[in-house]
Amino acid sequence: MKIGWAKVDITPENPMPLAGYALRTGRSSDILDRIYGRILYIDSVVIIALDLLIVDEKLREEIALKVSKELGIPESNVIVTATHTHSAPESSLSFLTNLWGIEDEREIIKNYQEFIITRLAEALKKINFDNTSLFAGKAIIEGVSSNRIDPNGIVDKESVFLFDSKKKTIALNFSCHPTVLPYSNNKISGDLAGAISRLFEKEFNVALFLNGAAGNVSTRFTRKSQKYEEVNRLAKLFFSQVKNKLNSCEKLTGDVDLTWKKLKVKPKQPPSRTKIEDFEAELLAKLNQSNISSQERRIIENNLLGVQILKKISEYLKKINVINFNIAKLTIGENFVALFTPAEMFVEYQITAKRISPYKYTMFVGYANGYTAYIPFEPLKEDTYEVAVSIVDPSEYQRIKGTIEKLLTK
């Protein structure tokens, strides 16, 4: 099997607006750790993992075009994902630019997109190739992730990973908002995902972190602080539990195949302005109660922020008629499959996919080839943060579930 790997620094040269937190203001003030684009080539299929919040559809198309020209493969053979760090530069010129209130930063964001594409092109010219075998494995990860809506709620603790026999590259799939650092942090960082990749890169040349269905999963109830030391503690915890399983993996054989299923989904109809304001008043009243726990307060504060964001995106939702929702399916032989989805899927999609999958190793990747915000597994209260900031109509959830189920049929 022909495998290729490359890694390139995409840390901006100048201060940038950072993506991920609506409460953050200003541009980046410094660099905690450098951020990267990591490239994995598997028999004419290319997977790129970027230390960014998201990769919108337009950026994915531009990157795919560049990869196609450099490597001579179809644009449809290119998958571009984001680790979902909340401490990387804003890289999207979609509705998010308006959402975060940085419309006047469009030029600097466009320049940064071009910088990313240029750096990736440079890396592609120097990509390393080798004929080797691929192995797949699984590890249960304790103590890193939690359900961020309900501390006792469901999570998928399994990490599925893929690496070559010569230990040149590894791809790690795990569901978790990699958000340890707080919104007050104005320094560029790959956060938890970046720290995990750096640890594995002590043993592999390139380590891609492929985030999973992390819409309702984060470190919210597992982290002991939001300091940089905690980023490293959780990364070491993840690393140690995967490393213990690297010697008990299975060689993959068979053809590599990549197919797409392209959906057009309906945008949701936002509540009326009056209803949104009622949500806001109710949440503010709950915050003023003296008998709520710190965990309850954190959830209420987050929901309040979601309702405030809903005020902004409601006008955007009125202007669009359809949303592209493109899912890619990568298979390697009869035992490995990876689904790449363009959203912050709730973890129940991933758990269901693994349960029904006929493949021994099933990766479920989010934040890939576009961004359609949160996709809850079922309708929830409208003032829940993830529901408030979602843009897909709840009537589409069942169709998305059915599409995933069909894609997993051999």
Foldseek 3Di string as FASTA:
>chain_A
DKKKKWKFWLADPDWACFADDLPADDTFDAAPDTWMWIWMDDPQAIEIEGLHQFQAQVLLQLLLVLLCVLPVGHSLSYKYFYLRARQGHDQDPPCVCVLSPNPVCVVVNVVSSVSRSVRVSVGSNVMDMDDFWKWKDKFFAPLFKAQLQDRPDDAGRMKIKMATPVQAEMEIEGAANLQLADSHNRHHDSRLQRLLQVVSCVRYVGYHYFHFLHLRMYRPPRFPHSDSVSSNVSSVSRNVRVVVCPVPIGIFAADKDKDKDKDKFFWAQADDPVVLVVLLVVLVVVLPDPPDDPSVNVQSVLLNVLSVSLVRCNVVLVPDGIDMWMWMWIDGHQAEIEIETAENEHNVLVVVLVVLAPHNYYHGGYSMSRYQYYDYLADDPCSRNSNSNGTGHRVCNVVVSVVSNVSRDD
